[in-house]
Amino acid sequence: MTVQQEATGGGADGAGRAGEPLEVWIDQDLCTGDGICVQYAPEVFELDIDGLAYVKSPEDELLVEVGATTPVPLPLLQDVVDSVKDCPGDCIHVRRVSDGVEVFGPDAE
């Protein structure tokens, strides 16, 4: 199963739609500031002067509000998922926009 199929629920049962919009957010309370996410997907993540990682808007603006989300561009989905998997703080959450279900991250089912 591809990352996209897994993210949209499009596994063996075929549920879910390819290309379904996803969004990502970071829990700064758990962020360790290692910057692994920035290494994988600098278009999506950035370290701020406080040493913590944040998501960036599609216009490249740092989003420092608590719980701020940004869309996951489909071409960067694998990089974002790798960030989730390798994050030592276990603080990156990717969820479907349509229903808010976390598909990658510490609360993914």
Protein backbone atom coordinates (compact mmCIF):
# COMPACT_ATOMS: atom_id res chain seq x y z
CA MET A 1 0.00 0.00 0.00
CA THR A 2 1.30 3.44 -0.86
CA VAL A 3 1.51 6.27 1.66
CA GLN A 4 -1.29 8.06 -0.21
CA GLN A 5 -3.57 4.99 -0.08
CA GLU A 6 -2.85 4.58 3.62
CA ALA A 7 -3.55 8.26 4.29
CA THR A 8 -6.90 8.31 2.54
CA GLY A 9 -8.13 4.95 3.76
CA GLY A 10 -7.77 3.54 0.26
CA GLY A 11 -6.42 0.18 1.31
CA ALA A 12 -7.68 -3.19 0.21
CA ASP A 13 -11.32 -2.17 0.74
CA GLY A 14 -10.93 0.78 -1.65
CA ALA A 15 -12.49 3.26 0.79
CA GLY A 16 -11.20 6.80 0.56
CA ARG A 17 -10.33 9.02 -2.37
CA ALA A 18 -6.92 9.41 -3.90
CA GLY A 19 -5.59 12.89 -3.37
CA GLU A 20 -7.86 13.62 -0.39
CA PRO A 21 -6.62 16.83 1.28
CA LEU A 22 -4.43 16.38 4.34
CA GLU A 23 -3.16 18.91 6.86
CA VAL A 24 -0.28 18.82 9.32
CA TRP A 25 0.33 20.47 12.67
CA ILE A 26 2.99 20.29 15.37
CA ASP A 27 2.48 20.06 19.13
CA GLN A 28 5.20 22.47 20.28
CA ASP A 29 4.82 21.22 23.89
CA LEU A 30 6.39 17.95 22.73
CA CYS A 31 8.81 19.33 20.13
CA THR A 32 12.46 18.61 20.94
CA GLY A 33 13.81 21.05 18.34
CA ASP A 34 15.92 18.43 16.56
CA GLY A 35 14.90 19.82 13.18
CA ILE A 36 14.51 16.45 11.48
CA CYS A 37 11.20 17.61 10.02
CA VAL A 38 12.89 20.65 8.51
CA GLN A 39 15.51 18.42 6.92
CA TYR A 40 12.83 16.24 5.31
CA ALA A 41 10.38 18.94 4.26
CA PRO A 42 11.70 22.52 4.52
CA GLU A 43 8.77 23.68 2.39
CA VAL A 44 6.40 22.64 5.20
CA PHE A 45 8.40 22.96 8.45
CA GLU A 46 10.72 25.59 9.93
CA LEU A 47 12.53 26.12 13.23
CA ASP A 48 11.71 29.43 14.90
CA ILE A 49 14.03 31.49 17.11
CA ASP A 50 12.63 29.63 20.15
CA GLY A 51 14.26 26.46 18.77
CA LEU A 52 10.96 24.70 18.10
CA ALA A 53 9.50 23.51 14.81
CA TYR A 54 6.40 25.06 13.27
CA VAL A 55 4.46 24.56 10.06
CA LYS A 56 4.50 27.11 7.26
CA SER A 57 1.63 28.37 5.15
CA PRO A 58 1.58 27.69 1.40
CA GLU A 59 2.82 31.30 1.10
CA ASP A 60 5.92 30.36 3.17
CA GLU A 61 4.72 32.24 6.29
CA LEU A 62 5.68 30.73 9.66
CA LEU A 63 2.51 29.79 11.56
CA VAL A 64 3.26 30.17 15.27
CA GLU A 65 -0.29 30.04 16.60
CA VAL A 66 -0.99 27.04 18.85
CA GLY A 67 -2.53 24.26 16.76
CA ALA A 68 -1.91 26.01 13.44
CA THR A 69 -2.29 23.67 10.48
CA THR A 70 -1.08 23.78 6.91
CA PRO A 71 -2.01 21.71 3.87
CA VAL A 72 0.25 18.80 2.98
CA PRO A 73 1.19 19.16 -0.70
CA LEU A 74 0.77 15.78 -2.37
CA PRO A 75 4.32 15.82 -3.85
CA LEU A 76 5.69 16.26 -0.30
CA LEU A 77 3.48 13.68 1.42
CA GLN A 78 6.23 11.06 1.69
CA ASP A 79 8.66 13.64 3.15
CA VAL A 80 6.07 14.74 5.71
CA VAL A 81 5.32 11.11 6.65
CA ASP A 82 9.04 10.41 7.04
CA SER A 83 9.20 13.45 9.35
CA VAL A 84 6.39 12.00 11.44
CA LYS A 85 8.08 8.61 11.68
CA ASP A 86 11.53 9.95 12.57
CA CYS A 87 10.47 12.76 14.93
CA PRO A 88 12.02 12.10 18.37
CA GLY A 89 9.36 14.26 20.03
CA ASP A 90 6.48 12.32 18.46
CA CYS A 91 4.78 15.68 17.97
CA ILE A 92 3.83 15.86 14.27
CA HIS A 93 0.21 15.13 13.38
CA VAL A 94 -1.21 14.59 9.87
CA ARG A 95 -4.97 14.39 9.52
CA ARG A 96 -7.59 14.32 6.81
CA VAL A 97 -9.22 17.70 6.28
CA SER A 98 -12.64 16.15 5.57
CA ASP A 99 -13.17 14.47 8.94
CA GLY A 100 -10.18 15.44 11.11
CA VAL A 101 -9.03 11.84 11.50
CA GLU A 102 -5.31 11.56 12.18
CA VAL A 103 -3.71 9.30 9.58
CA PHE A 104 -0.05 9.71 10.58
CA GLY A 105 1.31 10.66 13.98
CA PRO A 106 1.02 9.66 17.62
CA ASP A 107 -2.80 9.57 17.55
CA ALA A 108 -3.17 7.71 14.22
CA GLU A 109 -5.22 4.55 14.34
